[in-house]
Amino acid sequence: MKGKVAEIFKSIQGEGPYQGETQIFVRLAGCNLSCAYCDTTTEKFEEMDSDVVLGQISLLGPCRTVSITGGEPLVQADFVRELAEKLKKLEYKVYLETNGVLCDELKKVIDFVDIISMDFKLPSATNRKEQWAEHADFLKISRQKEVYVKAVVAPVTQIGDIQEAIKTLRDHRDILFVLQPQHPHENVLKGKLAFYKMLCRLHGINVRIMEQLHKKLGLR
């Protein structure tokens, strides 16, 4: 089976609780969404089979965590499953970065994933329709593995979206919720982020504000 691979590289994880950890990134092409703040393009890609991808991973040196990202990797769920299964046999830790809406596709791969980084797509920031029902279902499936949730907070983000996020997380209060300021608007968002963090904590949500470390350091 071949997948559409945009790039394979080694860097640090710039987001969430594993921020600063060295990982190998397999960026897959294609996405089922088109968010207003998206800063990733995967129009250029090469079709590779999973063994070729594994070979390129092995050339990147000693690193035992592979992040499968995109785009949206679950639009190629069958390829992700094949690749992740082979990675697990080679004793890699598999980290999946996903927009958190493709529930049936997640079911195909979850047995071979260790960590799930899922998004809440806030409609006021993405300029898209709300997908809270999909996020809620996706989160329930993700609970089989280690999971955290992040949401990009933009200057246009509305409090109603944060209230919906709190509702979705009320039965999952142990899960980390990361408020991630949209780059490069970190400074102007400080007040809004602090207020949203306080609101989440009032409802018992495990919340943190975390900027994108790789952006601050000028890394990929």
N, C-alpha and C. Protein backbone atom coordinates (compact mmCIF):
# COMPACT_ATOMS: atom_id res chain seq x y z
N MET A 1 0.83 -1.19 0.00
CA MET A 1 0.00 0.00 0.00
C MET A 1 0.87 1.25 0.00
N LYS A 2 0.49 2.24 -0.82
CA LYS A 2 1.24 3.48 -0.88
C LYS A 2 0.45 4.62 -0.25
N GLY A 3 1.20 5.52 0.40
CA GLY A 3 0.60 6.70 0.97
C GLY A 3 1.17 7.95 0.33
N LYS A 4 0.43 9.04 0.44
CA LYS A 4 0.89 10.32 -0.08
C LYS A 4 1.66 11.03 1.03
N VAL A 5 2.98 11.07 0.90
CA VAL A 5 3.86 11.57 1.95
C VAL A 5 4.44 12.92 1.53
N ALA A 6 4.17 13.97 2.32
CA ALA A 6 4.66 15.30 2.00
C ALA A 6 6.11 15.48 2.43
N GLU A 7 6.46 14.97 3.62
CA GLU A 7 7.83 15.07 4.09
C GLU A 7 8.05 14.17 5.29
N ILE A 8 9.32 13.82 5.50
CA ILE A 8 9.75 13.06 6.67
C ILE A 8 10.97 13.78 7.24
N PHE A 9 10.93 14.12 8.52
CA PHE A 9 12.03 14.89 9.09
C PHE A 9 12.08 14.67 10.60
N LYS A 10 13.19 15.06 11.20
CA LYS A 10 13.34 14.97 12.65
C LYS A 10 13.40 16.38 13.23
N SER A 11 12.67 16.61 14.31
CA SER A 11 12.66 17.91 14.96
C SER A 11 12.16 17.70 16.40
N ILE A 12 11.83 18.81 17.07
CA ILE A 12 11.22 18.69 18.38
C ILE A 12 9.70 18.83 18.24
N GLN A 13 8.99 18.18 19.12
CA GLN A 13 7.55 18.38 19.19
C GLN A 13 7.31 19.77 19.77
N GLY A 14 6.58 20.59 19.04
CA GLY A 14 6.40 21.98 19.45
C GLY A 14 5.13 22.25 20.21
N GLU A 15 4.25 21.25 20.34
CA GLU A 15 2.93 21.49 20.92
C GLU A 15 2.62 20.47 22.01
N GLY A 16 1.77 20.88 22.95
CA GLY A 16 1.23 19.96 23.93
C GLY A 16 2.22 19.50 24.99
N PRO A 17 1.84 18.48 25.75
CA PRO A 17 2.63 18.04 26.91
C PRO A 17 3.97 17.42 26.56
N TYR A 18 4.18 17.03 25.30
CA TYR A 18 5.47 16.47 24.89
C TYR A 18 6.34 17.52 24.22
N GLN A 19 6.01 18.78 24.44
CA GLN A 19 6.76 19.89 23.88
C GLN A 19 8.24 19.76 24.24
N GLY A 20 9.10 19.88 23.22
CA GLY A 20 10.54 19.80 23.43
C GLY A 20 11.12 18.41 23.20
N GLU A 21 10.27 17.38 23.12
CA GLU A 21 10.76 16.02 22.87
C GLU A 21 11.13 15.85 21.40
N THR A 22 12.28 15.20 21.18
CA THR A 22 12.69 14.92 19.80
C THR A 22 11.80 13.83 19.22
N GLN A 23 11.27 14.09 18.04
CA GLN A 23 10.43 13.12 17.35
C GLN A 23 10.78 13.10 15.87
N ILE A 24 10.44 12.00 15.23
CA ILE A 24 10.49 11.92 13.77
C ILE A 24 9.08 12.15 13.26
N PHE A 25 8.94 13.06 12.31
CA PHE A 25 7.63 13.44 11.80
C PHE A 25 7.42 12.88 10.40
N VAL A 26 6.30 12.19 10.24
CA VAL A 26 5.86 11.74 8.92
C VAL A 26 4.62 12.55 8.57
N ARG A 27 4.81 13.52 7.68
CA ARG A 27 3.70 14.40 7.32
C ARG A 27 3.02 13.88 6.07
N LEU A 28 1.75 13.54 6.21
CA LEU A 28 0.97 13.02 5.10
C LEU A 28 0.17 14.13 4.43
N ALA A 29 -0.06 13.98 3.15
CA ALA A 29 -0.77 15.00 2.37
C ALA A 29 -2.28 14.78 2.48
N GLY A 30 -3.00 15.88 2.30
CA GLY A 30 -4.46 15.81 2.25
C GLY A 30 -5.10 16.14 3.58
N CYS A 31 -6.28 16.76 3.49
CA CYS A 31 -7.05 17.10 4.69
C CYS A 31 -8.52 17.19 4.31
N ASN A 32 -9.38 16.83 5.25
CA ASN A 32 -10.82 16.89 5.03
C ASN A 32 -11.41 18.23 5.45
N LEU A 33 -10.58 19.11 6.04
CA LEU A 33 -11.04 20.43 6.47
C LEU A 33 -10.21 21.51 5.78
N SER A 34 -10.63 22.73 5.96
CA SER A 34 -9.87 23.87 5.45
C SER A 34 -10.05 25.01 6.44
N CYS A 35 -9.20 25.02 7.48
CA CYS A 35 -9.36 25.98 8.57
C CYS A 35 -8.72 27.32 8.21
N ALA A 36 -9.34 28.39 8.65
CA ALA A 36 -8.89 29.73 8.28
C ALA A 36 -7.46 30.00 8.70
N TYR A 37 -7.03 29.42 9.82
CA TYR A 37 -5.69 29.72 10.34
C TYR A 37 -4.64 28.69 9.93
N CYS A 38 -4.98 27.74 9.09
CA CYS A 38 -4.06 26.66 8.75
C CYS A 38 -2.78 27.23 8.13
N ASP A 39 -1.63 26.75 8.64
CA ASP A 39 -0.34 27.22 8.14
C ASP A 39 0.49 26.09 7.53
N THR A 40 -0.18 24.99 7.19
CA THR A 40 0.51 23.82 6.64
C THR A 40 0.01 23.53 5.24
N THR A 41 0.93 23.42 4.30
CA THR A 41 0.56 23.05 2.94
C THR A 41 1.17 21.68 2.61
N THR A 42 0.37 20.81 2.03
CA THR A 42 0.86 19.47 1.66
C THR A 42 0.51 19.17 0.21
N GLU A 43 0.53 20.21 -0.62
CA GLU A 43 0.18 20.02 -2.03
C GLU A 43 1.22 19.18 -2.75
N LYS A 44 2.48 19.31 -2.34
CA LYS A 44 3.54 18.52 -2.95
C LYS A 44 3.77 17.27 -2.10
N PHE A 45 3.76 16.13 -2.74
CA PHE A 45 3.96 14.88 -2.00
C PHE A 45 4.53 13.83 -2.94
N GLU A 46 5.01 12.76 -2.31
CA GLU A 46 5.52 11.61 -3.06
C GLU A 46 4.77 10.38 -2.58
N GLU A 47 4.38 9.54 -3.50
CA GLU A 47 3.73 8.29 -3.11
C GLU A 47 4.80 7.28 -2.69
N MET A 48 4.68 6.79 -1.46
CA MET A 48 5.65 5.84 -0.91
C MET A 48 4.91 4.68 -0.27
N ASP A 49 5.51 3.50 -0.35
CA ASP A 49 4.95 2.40 0.43
C ASP A 49 5.53 2.46 1.84
N SER A 50 4.91 1.73 2.75
CA SER A 50 5.26 1.85 4.16
C SER A 50 6.69 1.41 4.44
N ASP A 51 7.23 0.47 3.68
CA ASP A 51 8.60 0.03 3.90
C ASP A 51 9.61 1.12 3.52
N VAL A 52 9.31 1.88 2.48
CA VAL A 52 10.17 3.00 2.10
C VAL A 52 10.15 4.06 3.21
N VAL A 53 8.97 4.33 3.76
CA VAL A 53 8.86 5.29 4.86
C VAL A 53 9.67 4.81 6.06
N LEU A 54 9.57 3.53 6.38
CA LEU A 54 10.34 2.98 7.50
C LEU A 54 11.84 3.12 7.26
N GLY A 55 12.25 2.93 6.02
CA GLY A 55 13.67 3.07 5.70
C GLY A 55 14.15 4.49 5.93
N GLN A 56 13.33 5.47 5.53
CA GLN A 56 13.72 6.86 5.74
C GLN A 56 13.72 7.22 7.22
N ILE A 57 12.80 6.67 7.98
CA ILE A 57 12.77 6.89 9.42
C ILE A 57 14.06 6.37 10.07
N SER A 58 14.48 5.19 9.65
CA SER A 58 15.67 4.58 10.24
C SER A 58 16.94 5.39 9.97
N LEU A 59 16.95 6.15 8.87
CA LEU A 59 18.11 6.95 8.52
C LEU A 59 18.24 8.22 9.37
N LEU A 60 17.19 8.55 10.10
CA LEU A 60 17.18 9.80 10.86
C LEU A 60 17.77 9.64 12.26
N GLY A 61 18.34 8.49 12.51
CA GLY A 61 19.10 8.34 13.76
C GLY A 61 18.27 7.86 14.93
N PRO A 62 18.90 7.80 16.10
CA PRO A 62 18.22 7.23 17.27
C PRO A 62 17.11 8.14 17.79
N CYS A 63 15.91 7.72 17.55
CA CYS A 63 14.72 8.44 18.02
C CYS A 63 13.59 7.43 18.01
N ARG A 64 12.93 7.26 19.13
CA ARG A 64 11.97 6.16 19.25
C ARG A 64 10.51 6.60 19.19
N THR A 65 10.24 7.86 18.89
CA THR A 65 8.86 8.32 18.75
C THR A 65 8.64 8.88 17.35
N VAL A 66 7.62 8.38 16.69
CA VAL A 66 7.25 8.85 15.35
C VAL A 66 5.88 9.52 15.42
N SER A 67 5.84 10.77 14.99
CA SER A 67 4.59 11.52 14.92
C SER A 67 4.04 11.45 13.51
N ILE A 68 2.85 10.90 13.38
CA ILE A 68 2.17 10.84 12.09
C ILE A 68 1.21 12.02 12.05
N THR A 69 1.47 12.94 11.13
CA THR A 69 0.77 14.21 11.13
C THR A 69 0.35 14.58 9.71
N GLY A 70 -0.14 15.79 9.52
CA GLY A 70 -0.59 16.18 8.20
C GLY A 70 -0.53 17.68 8.02
N GLY A 71 -1.45 18.24 7.21
CA GLY A 71 -2.70 17.67 6.76
C GLY A 71 -3.46 16.96 7.86
N GLU A 72 -4.28 16.03 7.41
CA GLU A 72 -5.02 15.15 8.32
C GLU A 72 -4.69 13.71 7.98
N PRO A 73 -3.87 13.05 8.81
CA PRO A 73 -3.43 11.70 8.48
C PRO A 73 -4.55 10.68 8.33
N LEU A 74 -5.66 10.89 9.02
CA LEU A 74 -6.71 9.89 8.98
C LEU A 74 -7.48 9.87 7.67
N VAL A 75 -7.23 10.82 6.76
CA VAL A 75 -7.81 10.68 5.43
C VAL A 75 -7.11 9.56 4.67
N GLN A 76 -5.98 9.10 5.19
CA GLN A 76 -5.27 7.93 4.65
C GLN A 76 -5.19 6.85 5.73
N ALA A 77 -6.33 6.54 6.34
CA ALA A 77 -6.36 5.68 7.52
C ALA A 77 -5.78 4.30 7.27
N ASP A 78 -6.04 3.71 6.11
CA ASP A 78 -5.54 2.36 5.84
C ASP A 78 -4.01 2.36 5.77
N PHE A 79 -3.45 3.40 5.16
CA PHE A 79 -1.99 3.50 5.11
C PHE A 79 -1.42 3.76 6.50
N VAL A 80 -2.07 4.63 7.26
CA VAL A 80 -1.61 4.90 8.63
C VAL A 80 -1.63 3.63 9.46
N ARG A 81 -2.68 2.83 9.31
CA ARG A 81 -2.75 1.58 10.07
C ARG A 81 -1.57 0.66 9.72
N GLU A 82 -1.31 0.51 8.43
CA GLU A 82 -0.21 -0.37 8.01
C GLU A 82 1.13 0.14 8.53
N LEU A 83 1.36 1.45 8.40
CA LEU A 83 2.62 2.03 8.85
C LEU A 83 2.75 1.93 10.37
N ALA A 84 1.70 2.28 11.08
CA ALA A 84 1.75 2.26 12.55
C ALA A 84 1.95 0.84 13.08
N GLU A 85 1.32 -0.15 12.44
CA GLU A 85 1.49 -1.53 12.87
C GLU A 85 2.95 -1.96 12.73
N LYS A 86 3.59 -1.58 11.63
CA LYS A 86 4.99 -1.92 11.43
C LYS A 86 5.89 -1.17 12.41
N LEU A 87 5.56 0.09 12.69
CA LEU A 87 6.33 0.85 13.67
C LEU A 87 6.27 0.21 15.05
N LYS A 88 5.09 -0.26 15.43
CA LYS A 88 4.95 -0.90 16.75
C LYS A 88 5.78 -2.17 16.83
N LYS A 89 5.83 -2.93 15.75
CA LYS A 89 6.63 -4.16 15.74
C LYS A 89 8.11 -3.84 15.90
N LEU A 90 8.51 -2.65 15.46
CA LEU A 90 9.91 -2.22 15.60
C LEU A 90 10.13 -1.44 16.91
N GLU A 91 9.11 -1.44 17.77
CA GLU A 91 9.17 -0.84 19.11
C GLU A 91 9.30 0.68 19.10
N TYR A 92 8.71 1.32 18.08
CA TYR A 92 8.58 2.77 18.10
C TYR A 92 7.31 3.14 18.87
N LYS A 93 7.33 4.33 19.47
CA LYS A 93 6.11 4.91 20.03
C LYS A 93 5.44 5.72 18.92
N VAL A 94 4.14 5.53 18.74
CA VAL A 94 3.41 6.18 17.65
C VAL A 94 2.52 7.28 18.22
N TYR A 95 2.74 8.47 17.69
CA TYR A 95 2.05 9.69 18.14
C TYR A 95 1.22 10.17 16.96
N LEU A 96 -0.08 10.27 17.14
CA LEU A 96 -0.99 10.66 16.05
C LEU A 96 -1.50 12.06 16.28
N GLU A 97 -1.30 12.95 15.30
CA GLU A 97 -1.83 14.31 15.35
C GLU A 97 -3.01 14.39 14.40
N THR A 98 -4.18 14.81 14.92
CA THR A 98 -5.40 14.71 14.14
C THR A 98 -6.37 15.83 14.48
N ASN A 99 -7.24 16.16 13.51
CA ASN A 99 -8.23 17.20 13.76
C ASN A 99 -9.44 16.73 14.55
N GLY A 100 -9.49 15.44 14.85
CA GLY A 100 -10.46 14.96 15.82
C GLY A 100 -11.90 14.87 15.36
N VAL A 101 -12.13 14.53 14.07
CA VAL A 101 -13.51 14.39 13.60
C VAL A 101 -13.78 13.07 12.87
N LEU A 102 -12.75 12.38 12.44
CA LEU A 102 -12.94 11.18 11.61
C LEU A 102 -12.96 9.93 12.49
N CYS A 103 -14.12 9.70 13.09
CA CYS A 103 -14.24 8.64 14.10
C CYS A 103 -14.06 7.23 13.53
N ASP A 104 -14.68 6.93 12.42
CA ASP A 104 -14.56 5.58 11.84
C ASP A 104 -13.11 5.30 11.45
N GLU A 105 -12.44 6.30 10.95
CA GLU A 105 -11.04 6.13 10.56
C GLU A 105 -10.15 5.93 11.79
N LEU A 106 -10.44 6.62 12.88
CA LEU A 106 -9.68 6.42 14.12
C LEU A 106 -9.79 4.98 14.60
N LYS A 107 -10.97 4.40 14.49
CA LYS A 107 -11.18 3.01 14.93
C LYS A 107 -10.26 2.05 14.19
N LYS A 108 -9.92 2.38 12.94
CA LYS A 108 -9.05 1.51 12.15
C LYS A 108 -7.62 1.48 12.68
N VAL A 109 -7.17 2.58 13.28
CA VAL A 109 -5.75 2.71 13.61
C VAL A 109 -5.45 2.67 15.10
N ILE A 110 -6.45 2.79 15.95
CA ILE A 110 -6.20 3.07 17.36
C ILE A 110 -5.42 1.96 18.06
N ASP A 111 -5.54 0.73 17.58
CA ASP A 111 -4.80 -0.36 18.21
C ASP A 111 -3.29 -0.19 18.09
N PHE A 112 -2.84 0.61 17.15
CA PHE A 112 -1.41 0.74 16.88
C PHE A 112 -0.89 2.16 17.18
N VAL A 113 -1.65 2.90 17.97
CA VAL A 113 -1.28 4.26 18.34
C VAL A 113 -1.07 4.32 19.85
N ASP A 114 -0.07 5.09 20.29
CA ASP A 114 0.19 5.24 21.72
C ASP A 114 -0.37 6.55 22.28
N ILE A 115 -0.21 7.64 21.54
CA ILE A 115 -0.58 8.97 22.01
C ILE A 115 -1.40 9.66 20.92
N ILE A 116 -2.50 10.27 21.30
CA ILE A 116 -3.35 10.99 20.35
C ILE A 116 -3.39 12.46 20.74
N SER A 117 -2.99 13.31 19.81
CA SER A 117 -3.13 14.75 19.95
C SER A 117 -4.28 15.17 19.05
N MET A 118 -5.42 15.48 19.67
CA MET A 118 -6.61 15.82 18.86
C MET A 118 -6.98 17.28 19.06
N ASP A 119 -7.54 17.85 18.02
CA ASP A 119 -7.96 19.24 18.05
C ASP A 119 -9.44 19.36 18.40
N PHE A 120 -9.78 20.47 19.03
CA PHE A 120 -11.13 21.00 18.98
C PHE A 120 -11.08 22.15 17.98
N LYS A 121 -11.83 22.04 16.92
CA LYS A 121 -11.86 23.08 15.90
C LYS A 121 -12.94 24.10 16.28
N LEU A 122 -12.49 25.24 16.81
CA LEU A 122 -13.42 26.27 17.28
C LEU A 122 -13.97 27.03 16.07
N PRO A 123 -15.28 26.99 15.85
CA PRO A 123 -15.85 27.56 14.62
C PRO A 123 -15.51 29.02 14.38
N SER A 124 -15.46 29.82 15.45
CA SER A 124 -15.17 31.24 15.25
C SER A 124 -13.75 31.47 14.77
N ALA A 125 -12.85 30.51 15.05
CA ALA A 125 -11.46 30.63 14.59
C ALA A 125 -11.23 29.96 13.24
N THR A 126 -11.92 28.83 13.01
CA THR A 126 -11.71 28.10 11.76
C THR A 126 -12.53 28.67 10.60
N ASN A 127 -13.58 29.42 10.93
CA ASN A 127 -14.53 29.91 9.92
C ASN A 127 -15.22 28.74 9.22
N ARG A 128 -15.52 27.70 10.01
CA ARG A 128 -16.21 26.52 9.52
C ARG A 128 -17.39 26.21 10.43
N LYS A 129 -18.22 25.26 10.00
CA LYS A 129 -19.35 24.84 10.83
C LYS A 129 -18.82 24.14 12.08
N GLU A 130 -19.64 24.13 13.13
CA GLU A 130 -19.25 23.45 14.36
C GLU A 130 -19.28 21.94 14.18
N GLN A 131 -18.40 21.26 14.91
CA GLN A 131 -18.31 19.79 14.83
C GLN A 131 -18.18 19.19 16.23
N TRP A 132 -18.96 19.72 17.15
CA TRP A 132 -18.85 19.27 18.54
C TRP A 132 -19.29 17.83 18.71
N ALA A 133 -20.31 17.39 17.98
CA ALA A 133 -20.75 15.99 18.10
C ALA A 133 -19.65 15.04 17.65
N GLU A 134 -18.98 15.39 16.55
CA GLU A 134 -17.88 14.56 16.06
C GLU A 134 -16.72 14.56 17.06
N HIS A 135 -16.41 15.72 17.62
CA HIS A 135 -15.33 15.79 18.61
C HIS A 135 -15.65 14.94 19.84
N ALA A 136 -16.91 14.98 20.29
CA ALA A 136 -17.30 14.20 21.47
C ALA A 136 -17.15 12.71 21.20
N ASP A 137 -17.59 12.25 20.05
CA ASP A 137 -17.47 10.83 19.71
C ASP A 137 -16.01 10.43 19.55
N PHE A 138 -15.22 11.28 18.92
CA PHE A 138 -13.80 11.01 18.71
C PHE A 138 -13.07 10.89 20.05
N LEU A 139 -13.43 11.76 20.97
CA LEU A 139 -12.79 11.76 22.28
C LEU A 139 -13.09 10.47 23.04
N LYS A 140 -14.32 9.99 22.94
CA LYS A 140 -14.68 8.74 23.62
C LYS A 140 -13.84 7.57 23.11
N ILE A 141 -13.62 7.52 21.81
CA ILE A 141 -12.79 6.45 21.23
C ILE A 141 -11.34 6.62 21.65
N SER A 142 -10.87 7.86 21.65
CA SER A 142 -9.46 8.15 21.98
C SER A 142 -9.11 7.75 23.41
N ARG A 143 -10.10 7.68 24.30
CA ARG A 143 -9.83 7.36 25.70
C ARG A 143 -9.18 5.99 25.88
N GLN A 144 -9.22 5.17 24.83
CA GLN A 144 -8.54 3.87 24.92
C GLN A 144 -7.03 4.04 25.04
N LYS A 145 -6.51 5.19 24.62
CA LYS A 145 -5.09 5.46 24.64
C LYS A 145 -4.83 6.78 25.37
N GLU A 146 -3.56 7.17 25.48
CA GLU A 146 -3.24 8.47 26.04
C GLU A 146 -3.68 9.55 25.05
N VAL A 147 -4.39 10.56 25.53
CA VAL A 147 -4.92 11.58 24.64
C VAL A 147 -4.89 12.94 25.34
N TYR A 148 -4.65 13.98 24.57
CA TYR A 148 -4.88 15.34 25.05
C TYR A 148 -5.55 16.11 23.92
N VAL A 149 -6.17 17.23 24.28
CA VAL A 149 -6.92 18.05 23.34
C VAL A 149 -6.29 19.44 23.29
N LYS A 150 -6.18 19.97 22.07
CA LYS A 150 -5.73 21.35 21.95
C LYS A 150 -6.70 22.13 21.06
N ALA A 151 -6.76 23.42 21.32
CA ALA A 151 -7.61 24.31 20.51
C ALA A 151 -6.82 25.57 20.20
N VAL A 152 -6.79 25.92 18.93
CA VAL A 152 -6.15 27.17 18.53
C VAL A 152 -7.06 28.33 18.87
N VAL A 153 -6.52 29.27 19.65
CA VAL A 153 -7.26 30.47 20.01
C VAL A 153 -6.73 31.62 19.15
N ALA A 154 -7.62 32.22 18.37
CA ALA A 154 -7.27 33.32 17.47
C ALA A 154 -7.87 34.62 18.00
N PRO A 155 -7.45 35.75 17.46
CA PRO A 155 -8.07 37.02 17.87
C PRO A 155 -9.58 37.03 17.70
N VAL A 156 -10.11 36.24 16.75
CA VAL A 156 -11.56 36.23 16.50
C VAL A 156 -12.31 35.18 17.31
N THR A 157 -11.60 34.38 18.12
CA THR A 157 -12.25 33.32 18.89
C THR A 157 -13.27 33.90 19.86
N GLN A 158 -14.45 33.27 19.91
CA GLN A 158 -15.55 33.73 20.75
C GLN A 158 -15.71 32.85 21.99
N ILE A 159 -16.20 33.44 23.06
CA ILE A 159 -16.35 32.73 24.33
C ILE A 159 -17.31 31.54 24.20
N GLY A 160 -18.29 31.65 23.31
CA GLY A 160 -19.23 30.55 23.13
C GLY A 160 -18.54 29.25 22.74
N ASP A 161 -17.48 29.35 21.95
CA ASP A 161 -16.73 28.16 21.55
C ASP A 161 -16.03 27.53 22.74
N ILE A 162 -15.49 28.35 23.63
CA ILE A 162 -14.83 27.81 24.82
C ILE A 162 -15.86 27.16 25.74
N GLN A 163 -17.05 27.73 25.82
CA GLN A 163 -18.11 27.12 26.62
C GLN A 163 -18.53 25.77 26.06
N GLU A 164 -18.56 25.65 24.73
CA GLU A 164 -18.87 24.36 24.12
C GLU A 164 -17.75 23.35 24.38
N ALA A 165 -16.51 23.81 24.34
CA ALA A 165 -15.39 22.93 24.65
C ALA A 165 -15.49 22.41 26.07
N ILE A 166 -15.86 23.28 26.99
CA ILE A 166 -16.02 22.87 28.40
C ILE A 166 -17.11 21.81 28.53
N LYS A 167 -18.22 22.00 27.82
CA LYS A 167 -19.31 21.02 27.85
C LYS A 167 -18.83 19.65 27.34
N THR A 168 -18.04 19.69 26.27
CA THR A 168 -17.55 18.44 25.68
C THR A 168 -16.57 17.73 26.60
N LEU A 169 -15.85 18.49 27.40
CA LEU A 169 -14.84 17.92 28.30
C LEU A 169 -15.36 17.61 29.70
N ARG A 170 -16.62 17.91 29.98
CA ARG A 170 -17.09 17.80 31.37
C ARG A 170 -17.05 16.37 31.90
N ASP A 171 -17.12 15.38 31.02
CA ASP A 171 -17.01 13.98 31.46
C ASP A 171 -15.59 13.44 31.28
N HIS A 172 -14.65 14.33 30.95
CA HIS A 172 -13.26 13.93 30.70
C HIS A 172 -12.32 14.93 31.37
N ARG A 173 -12.60 15.27 32.62
CA ARG A 173 -11.88 16.36 33.28
C ARG A 173 -10.42 16.04 33.54
N ASP A 174 -10.06 14.77 33.44
CA ASP A 174 -8.65 14.40 33.65
C ASP A 174 -7.80 14.67 32.41
N ILE A 175 -8.42 14.85 31.28
CA ILE A 175 -7.69 15.05 30.03
C ILE A 175 -7.17 16.48 29.95
N LEU A 176 -5.92 16.63 29.55
CA LEU A 176 -5.34 17.96 29.39
C LEU A 176 -5.98 18.69 28.21
N PHE A 177 -6.36 19.93 28.45
CA PHE A 177 -6.90 20.80 27.41
C PHE A 177 -5.91 21.94 27.22
N VAL A 178 -5.32 22.02 26.03
CA VAL A 178 -4.30 23.02 25.73
C VAL A 178 -4.92 24.16 24.92
N LEU A 179 -4.83 25.36 25.46
CA LEU A 179 -5.20 26.56 24.73
C LEU A 179 -3.95 27.06 24.01
N GLN A 180 -3.98 27.02 22.70
CA GLN A 180 -2.80 27.34 21.90
C GLN A 180 -3.01 28.63 21.12
N PRO A 181 -2.30 29.71 21.48
CA PRO A 181 -2.49 30.97 20.77
C PRO A 181 -2.04 30.88 19.32
N GLN A 182 -2.83 31.45 18.44
CA GLN A 182 -2.47 31.46 17.03
C GLN A 182 -1.20 32.29 16.83
N HIS A 183 -0.24 31.70 16.15
CA HIS A 183 0.99 32.42 15.82
C HIS A 183 0.73 33.32 14.61
N PRO A 184 1.19 34.57 14.59
CA PRO A 184 2.09 35.25 15.53
C PRO A 184 1.38 36.22 16.45
N HIS A 185 0.19 35.86 16.95
CA HIS A 185 -0.64 36.79 17.71
C HIS A 185 -0.57 36.54 19.22
N GLU A 186 0.49 35.87 19.67
CA GLU A 186 0.58 35.49 21.08
C GLU A 186 0.41 36.67 22.03
N ASN A 187 1.07 37.78 21.75
CA ASN A 187 1.04 38.91 22.68
C ASN A 187 -0.35 39.53 22.81
N VAL A 188 -1.04 39.71 21.70
CA VAL A 188 -2.36 40.34 21.76
C VAL A 188 -3.41 39.41 22.36
N LEU A 189 -3.11 38.13 22.45
CA LEU A 189 -4.07 37.14 22.95
C LEU A 189 -3.90 36.85 24.44
N LYS A 190 -2.94 37.47 25.10
CA LYS A 190 -2.66 37.12 26.50
C LYS A 190 -3.87 37.30 27.41
N GLY A 191 -4.56 38.42 27.28
CA GLY A 191 -5.73 38.66 28.13
C GLY A 191 -6.85 37.67 27.87
N LYS A 192 -7.12 37.42 26.59
CA LYS A 192 -8.17 36.47 26.22
C LYS A 192 -7.85 35.07 26.72
N LEU A 193 -6.61 34.66 26.54
CA LEU A 193 -6.19 33.33 27.00
C LEU A 193 -6.32 33.18 28.51
N ALA A 194 -5.91 34.20 29.24
CA ALA A 194 -6.00 34.15 30.70
C ALA A 194 -7.45 34.01 31.15
N PHE A 195 -8.36 34.74 30.48
CA PHE A 195 -9.77 34.67 30.83
C PHE A 195 -10.34 33.28 30.51
N TYR A 196 -10.00 32.75 29.35
CA TYR A 196 -10.49 31.43 28.97
C TYR A 196 -9.94 30.35 29.90
N LYS A 197 -8.69 30.50 30.29
CA LYS A 197 -8.10 29.54 31.23
C LYS A 197 -8.84 29.57 32.56
N MET A 198 -9.13 30.77 33.07
CA MET A 198 -9.87 30.90 34.33
C MET A 198 -11.25 30.26 34.21
N LEU A 199 -11.92 30.49 33.08
CA LEU A 199 -13.25 29.92 32.86
C LEU A 199 -13.21 28.40 32.88
N CYS A 200 -12.22 27.83 32.21
CA CYS A 200 -12.07 26.38 32.20
C CYS A 200 -11.83 25.83 33.60
N ARG A 201 -10.97 26.49 34.35
CA ARG A 201 -10.65 26.01 35.70
C ARG A 201 -11.85 26.10 36.64
N LEU A 202 -12.69 27.10 36.43
CA LEU A 202 -13.91 27.21 37.24
C LEU A 202 -14.81 25.99 37.06
N HIS A 203 -14.69 25.34 35.91
CA HIS A 203 -15.49 24.15 35.62
C HIS A 203 -14.70 22.86 35.81
N GLY A 204 -13.54 22.96 36.44
CA GLY A 204 -12.76 21.77 36.77
C GLY A 204 -12.00 21.16 35.62
N ILE A 205 -11.79 21.94 34.55
CA ILE A 205 -11.07 21.43 33.38
C ILE A 205 -9.57 21.55 33.61
N ASN A 206 -8.84 20.51 33.25
CA ASN A 206 -7.38 20.49 33.35
C ASN A 206 -6.82 21.25 32.15
N VAL A 207 -6.51 22.52 32.32
CA VAL A 207 -6.19 23.39 31.19
C VAL A 207 -4.82 24.02 31.37
N ARG A 208 -4.15 24.22 30.23
CA ARG A 208 -2.88 24.95 30.20
C ARG A 208 -2.83 25.81 28.94
N ILE A 209 -2.11 26.92 29.03
CA ILE A 209 -1.82 27.74 27.86
C ILE A 209 -0.42 27.36 27.38
N MET A 210 -0.29 26.97 26.12
CA MET A 210 1.00 26.55 25.59
C MET A 210 1.17 27.12 24.18
N GLU A 211 2.21 27.92 24.01
CA GLU A 211 2.54 28.43 22.68
C GLU A 211 3.23 27.33 21.87
N GLN A 212 3.37 27.57 20.56
CA GLN A 212 4.04 26.62 19.68
C GLN A 212 5.55 26.83 19.78
N LEU A 213 6.22 25.93 20.48
CA LEU A 213 7.64 26.10 20.76
C LEU A 213 8.47 26.13 19.48
N HIS A 214 8.13 25.29 18.52
CA HIS A 214 8.92 25.24 17.29
C HIS A 214 8.82 26.55 16.52
N LYS A 215 7.69 27.22 16.61
CA LYS A 215 7.55 28.51 15.95
C LYS A 215 8.43 29.56 16.64
N LYS A 216 8.47 29.54 17.95
CA LYS A 216 9.29 30.50 18.69
C LYS A 216 10.78 30.30 18.40
N LEU A 217 11.16 29.04 18.19
CA LEU A 217 12.57 28.73 17.94
C LEU A 217 12.93 28.76 16.46
N GLY A 218 11.94 28.96 15.60
CA GLY A 218 12.19 29.00 14.17
C GLY A 218 12.51 27.64 13.56
N LEU A 219 11.89 26.59 14.13
CA LEU A 219 12.13 25.22 13.65
C LEU A 219 10.94 24.74 12.84
N ARG A 220 11.10 23.62 12.17
CA ARG A 220 10.00 23.03 11.42
C ARG A 220 9.01 22.40 12.37
